[in-house]
């Protein structure tokens, strides 16, 4: 049995996978998940971005979560993906895109990309949150481009993105509109 997993649930359940590896013998975490490919290893060198501590809870470059609403015969899902590129040796620019979708048995489907943020790593020597607006490039909410007007709004954008990504990574489908309204972003 893996620590934290209910007795009656099989160990292979995808809903309860942990973002880091467990040592089954003594039930202690052994750190981040092992990178499977060279691309994963390269990505893990640059993640989490310096100056953005809220992204330390996001461990994977991509994740998908689904849930089935039995009474409505609808399957809902959410996913995220993080891409990056290095325009210079000291700067890494990131794009985090969150998508949501739903489909029913009749074949009707809806796909949207409610949240896309672009940001870059902040300097190591400056931990001030005043630095974040200069490190934050843009955010798109349901197709509308938004610009952060101050450090608080920038922090809210980043917190929402990190929260949604961490929920998806844990296999949970968040109510994205509700979270965006809670943070007064829509």
Protein backbone atom coordinates (compact mmCIF):
# COMPACT_ATOMS: atom_id res chain seq x y z
CA UNK A 1 0.00 0.00 0.00
CA UNK A 2 1.20 3.51 -0.80
CA UNK A 3 1.00 6.12 1.94
CA UNK A 4 -2.09 8.30 1.62
CA UNK A 5 -4.01 5.91 -0.66
CA UNK A 6 -7.29 4.43 0.63
CA UNK A 7 -7.23 0.72 1.48
CA UNK A 8 -9.93 -0.25 -1.01
CA UNK A 9 -8.38 1.45 -4.03
CA UNK A 10 -5.82 -0.29 -6.28
CA UNK A 11 -2.31 1.14 -6.43
CA UNK A 12 -2.58 1.71 -10.18
CA UNK A 13 -5.39 4.26 -9.86
CA UNK A 14 -4.63 7.32 -12.00
CA UNK A 15 -6.65 9.67 -9.80
CA UNK A 16 -4.24 9.24 -6.87
CA UNK A 17 -0.86 9.30 -8.59
CA UNK A 18 1.63 11.39 -6.67
CA UNK A 19 3.80 13.96 -8.46
CA UNK A 20 6.93 12.44 -6.96
CA UNK A 21 8.26 8.93 -6.54
CA UNK A 22 7.56 6.89 -3.40
CA UNK A 23 9.73 4.29 -1.80
CA UNK A 24 7.15 1.60 -0.97
CA UNK A 25 9.34 -0.01 1.69
CA UNK A 26 9.56 2.93 4.10
CA UNK A 27 6.79 5.08 2.54
CA UNK A 28 8.87 8.23 2.19
CA UNK A 29 9.04 10.54 -0.80
CA UNK A 30 12.23 10.32 -2.82
CA UNK A 31 12.01 13.63 -4.71
CA UNK A 32 10.82 14.62 -8.14
CA UNK A 33 9.65 12.13 -10.72
CA UNK A 34 12.38 10.77 -12.94
CA UNK A 35 12.63 12.32 -16.40
CA UNK A 36 11.78 9.79 -19.11
CA UNK A 37 13.30 11.43 -22.17
CA UNK A 38 16.03 13.90 -23.01
CA UNK A 39 13.34 16.55 -23.57
CA UNK A 40 11.99 15.95 -20.04
CA UNK A 41 15.50 16.17 -18.59
CA UNK A 42 16.10 19.45 -20.39
CA UNK A 43 12.77 20.84 -19.19
CA UNK A 44 13.48 19.89 -15.56
CA UNK A 45 16.71 21.93 -15.70
CA UNK A 46 14.65 25.07 -16.28
CA UNK A 47 11.66 24.36 -14.05
CA UNK A 48 10.43 25.83 -11.72
CA UNK A 49 11.29 29.28 -13.04
CA UNK A 50 13.39 31.47 -10.78
CA UNK A 51 11.41 34.21 -9.09
CA UNK A 52 8.08 32.34 -9.38
CA UNK A 53 7.77 30.17 -6.21
CA UNK A 54 4.07 29.45 -6.82
CA UNK A 55 5.05 27.07 -9.64
CA UNK A 56 7.08 24.78 -7.35
CA UNK A 57 3.97 22.58 -6.94
CA UNK A 58 3.77 21.90 -10.69
CA UNK A 59 6.00 18.93 -11.52
CA UNK A 60 5.07 17.87 -15.06
CA UNK A 61 5.35 19.61 -18.40
CA UNK A 62 1.89 18.28 -19.42
CA UNK A 63 -1.07 16.75 -17.62
CA UNK A 64 -4.67 15.75 -18.34
CA UNK A 65 -7.60 15.22 -15.98
CA UNK A 66 -11.07 13.91 -16.86
CA UNK A 67 -14.32 13.21 -15.06
CA UNK A 68 -17.57 11.63 -16.19
CA UNK A 69 -20.90 13.14 -15.20
CA UNK A 70 -23.05 9.99 -15.20
CA UNK A 71 -26.42 11.72 -14.81
CA UNK A 72 -25.80 13.96 -17.88
CA UNK A 73 -23.75 11.43 -19.92
CA UNK A 74 -21.02 14.04 -20.37
CA UNK A 75 -17.27 13.65 -20.04
CA UNK A 76 -15.39 16.79 -18.98
CA UNK A 77 -11.68 17.33 -19.02
CA UNK A 78 -8.90 19.82 -18.55
CA UNK A 79 -5.25 19.79 -19.53
CA UNK A 80 -2.22 22.01 -19.39
CA UNK A 81 1.05 22.18 -21.22
CA UNK A 82 4.15 24.23 -20.54
CA UNK A 83 6.57 25.17 -23.28
CA UNK A 84 9.73 27.24 -23.04
CA UNK A 85 12.51 28.68 -25.10
CA UNK A 86 15.78 30.41 -24.32
CA UNK A 87 16.27 33.66 -26.27
CA UNK A 88 19.57 34.19 -24.40
CA UNK A 89 21.69 32.15 -21.96
CA UNK A 90 20.26 33.86 -18.85
CA UNK A 91 16.62 34.27 -19.94
CA UNK A 92 14.02 31.53 -20.27
CA UNK A 93 10.54 32.42 -21.51
CA UNK A 94 7.61 30.15 -20.62
CA UNK A 95 4.11 29.66 -22.01
CA UNK A 96 1.56 27.84 -19.87
CA UNK A 97 -1.69 26.95 -21.64
CA UNK A 98 -4.72 25.49 -19.90
CA UNK A 99 -7.49 23.92 -21.98
CA UNK A 100 -10.91 22.57 -21.06
CA UNK A 101 -13.30 20.41 -23.04
CA UNK A 102 -16.47 18.37 -22.76
CA UNK A 103 -18.23 15.86 -24.98
CA UNK A 104 -21.31 13.69 -24.78
CA UNK A 105 -22.30 10.33 -26.24
CA UNK A 106 -24.06 12.00 -29.18
CA UNK A 107 -20.74 13.41 -30.36
CA UNK A 108 -21.36 17.03 -29.34
CA UNK A 109 -18.16 18.58 -28.04
CA UNK A 110 -16.81 21.88 -26.80
CA UNK A 111 -13.13 22.78 -26.60
CA UNK A 112 -11.76 26.07 -25.29
CA UNK A 113 -8.47 27.49 -24.14
CA UNK A 114 -9.51 29.66 -21.20
CA UNK A 115 -6.06 30.59 -19.93
CA UNK A 116 -2.69 31.20 -21.57
CA UNK A 117 0.10 33.04 -19.77
CA UNK A 118 3.56 34.01 -20.99
CA UNK A 119 6.29 34.91 -18.52
CA UNK A 120 10.04 34.71 -18.06
CA UNK A 121 12.32 33.83 -15.20
CA UNK A 122 13.13 36.69 -12.82
CA UNK A 123 16.67 37.45 -11.64
CA UNK A 124 17.88 35.35 -8.70
CA UNK A 125 19.21 38.36 -6.82
CA UNK A 126 15.86 40.18 -6.67
CA UNK A 127 13.12 38.42 -4.73
CA UNK A 128 10.87 41.48 -4.62
CA UNK A 129 7.38 41.07 -6.07
CA UNK A 130 7.83 44.45 -7.76
CA UNK A 131 9.97 42.59 -10.29
CA UNK A 132 7.08 40.39 -11.48
CA UNK A 133 5.37 42.89 -13.84
CA UNK A 134 8.62 43.16 -15.81
CA UNK A 135 8.94 39.36 -15.96
CA UNK A 136 5.31 38.84 -16.97
CA UNK A 137 4.70 39.08 -20.71
CA UNK A 138 0.97 38.54 -21.22
CA UNK A 139 -2.15 36.63 -20.33
CA UNK A 140 -5.05 35.56 -22.49
CA UNK A 141 -8.42 34.79 -20.88
CA UNK A 142 -10.93 33.11 -23.18
CA UNK A 143 -9.22 34.69 -26.19
CA UNK A 144 -8.97 38.27 -24.82
CA UNK A 145 -5.46 39.59 -24.23
CA UNK A 146 -4.98 41.04 -20.73
CA UNK A 147 -2.08 43.05 -19.34
CA UNK A 148 -1.20 43.14 -15.67
CA UNK A 149 -1.39 46.69 -14.34
CA UNK A 150 0.47 46.10 -11.05
CA UNK A 151 2.36 43.53 -9.03
CA UNK A 152 -0.79 42.28 -7.25
CA UNK A 153 -2.60 41.54 -10.51
CA UNK A 154 0.50 39.83 -11.89
CA UNK A 155 0.68 37.67 -8.78
CA UNK A 156 -3.00 36.76 -9.13
CA UNK A 157 -2.48 35.69 -12.76
CA UNK A 158 0.44 33.47 -11.74
CA UNK A 159 -1.35 32.04 -8.67
CA UNK A 160 -4.40 31.09 -10.73
CA UNK A 161 -2.28 29.41 -13.39
CA UNK A 162 -0.24 27.49 -10.80
CA UNK A 163 -3.36 26.44 -8.85
CA UNK A 164 -5.18 25.21 -11.95
CA UNK A 165 -2.11 23.33 -13.23
CA UNK A 166 -1.55 21.64 -9.86
CA UNK A 167 -5.21 20.52 -9.67
CA UNK A 168 -5.09 19.10 -13.20
CA UNK A 169 -1.82 17.33 -12.41
CA UNK A 170 -3.52 15.63 -9.44
CA UNK A 171 -6.26 14.31 -11.72
CA UNK A 172 -8.92 16.82 -10.68
CA UNK A 173 -10.95 18.89 -13.15
CA UNK A 174 -11.22 22.40 -11.67
CA UNK A 175 -14.09 24.81 -12.31
CA UNK A 176 -11.93 27.27 -14.23
CA UNK A 177 -14.52 30.05 -14.55
CA UNK A 178 -15.22 29.95 -10.83
CA UNK A 179 -11.52 30.24 -9.98
CA UNK A 180 -11.06 33.15 -12.41
CA UNK A 181 -14.05 34.95 -10.88
CA UNK A 182 -12.76 34.29 -7.36
CA UNK A 183 -9.50 36.08 -8.23
CA UNK A 184 -11.48 38.85 -10.02
CA UNK A 185 -9.81 38.16 -13.35
CA UNK A 186 -13.10 37.92 -15.29
